[in-house]
Amino acid sequence: MPKAKNCLIVRAAGRQLDLLRGEASRIAKGNNVDWWIDRAEVGARFCFEDAKAKESFALACDNFGSCQDG
């Protein structure tokens, strides 16, 4: 797995988490980059290969759940 430097920790569950997974996939595909999810101490860590994709996801994340740099 690539080094995790473009990551956000997401605190969401159930349907919110599913919506965020879909949004992450859409953003990554639109930017032609890979993404992945790791477990975090609290929540899930959404990571992207590219800082631009992470920034786009951060904007979407604000609408769906609680996100912070991670």
Protein backbone atom coordinates (compact mmCIF):
# COMPACT_ATOMS: atom_id res chain seq x y z
CA MET A 1 0.00 0.00 0.00
CA PRO A 2 1.30 3.51 -0.79
CA LYS A 3 2.43 5.73 2.04
CA ALA A 4 -0.58 7.24 3.80
CA LYS A 5 -0.12 10.98 3.67
CA ASN A 6 -3.32 12.09 1.94
CA CYS A 7 -5.75 10.68 4.48
CA LEU A 8 -8.82 11.79 6.39
CA ILE A 9 -10.26 10.10 9.44
CA VAL A 10 -14.01 9.75 9.06
CA ARG A 11 -16.37 9.27 11.97
CA ALA A 12 -19.48 7.86 10.35
CA ALA A 13 -21.37 4.59 10.42
CA GLY A 14 -23.99 2.69 8.49
CA ARG A 15 -25.55 4.51 5.56
CA GLN A 16 -23.36 7.59 6.02
CA LEU A 17 -20.23 5.47 5.74
CA ASP A 18 -21.61 3.73 2.64
CA LEU A 19 -22.35 7.10 1.02
CA LEU A 20 -18.82 8.28 1.79
CA ARG A 21 -17.31 5.11 0.28
CA GLY A 22 -19.26 5.77 -2.90
CA GLU A 23 -18.17 9.39 -2.96
CA ALA A 24 -14.52 8.43 -2.40
CA SER A 25 -14.73 5.96 -5.27
CA ARG A 26 -16.28 8.54 -7.58
CA ILE A 27 -13.69 11.19 -6.69
CA ALA A 28 -10.77 8.79 -7.08
CA LYS A 29 -12.05 7.57 -10.45
CA GLY A 30 -12.53 11.17 -11.63
CA ASN A 31 -8.94 11.99 -10.66
CA ASN A 32 -7.48 8.70 -11.99
CA VAL A 33 -6.00 7.78 -8.61
CA ASP A 34 -6.32 4.85 -6.22
CA TRP A 35 -7.87 5.10 -2.78
CA TRP A 36 -8.25 2.77 0.18
CA ILE A 37 -9.72 2.56 3.66
CA ASP A 38 -7.84 1.57 6.81
CA ARG A 39 -9.13 1.24 10.33
CA ALA A 40 -8.36 4.12 12.64
CA GLU A 41 -8.59 4.19 16.43
CA VAL A 42 -11.88 6.01 16.07
CA GLY A 43 -13.56 5.69 12.68
CA ALA A 44 -12.11 4.85 9.29
CA ARG A 45 -9.11 6.36 7.50
CA PHE A 46 -9.87 7.22 3.86
CA CYS A 47 -6.61 7.62 1.93
CA PHE A 48 -5.95 8.85 -1.60
CA GLU A 49 -2.82 8.77 -3.77
CA ASP A 50 -3.30 12.43 -4.58
CA ALA A 51 -3.77 15.56 -2.46
CA LYS A 52 -6.30 17.02 -4.91
CA ALA A 53 -8.56 13.98 -4.53
CA LYS A 54 -8.25 14.21 -0.73
CA GLU A 55 -9.30 17.87 -0.81
CA SER A 56 -12.34 17.06 -2.96
CA PHE A 57 -13.30 14.27 -0.59
CA ALA A 58 -12.88 16.58 2.42
CA LEU A 59 -15.49 18.93 0.94
CA ALA A 60 -17.91 16.05 0.38
CA CYS A 61 -17.16 14.61 3.81
CA ASP A 62 -18.25 17.81 5.52
CA ASN A 63 -21.76 17.18 4.15
CA PHE A 64 -21.99 13.56 5.32
CA GLY A 65 -19.99 13.03 8.48
CA SER A 66 -17.27 14.18 10.78
CA CYS A 67 -13.83 14.25 9.16
CA GLN A 68 -10.38 15.30 10.29
CA ASP A 69 -6.87 15.05 8.88
CA GLY A 70 -5.32 11.72 9.59
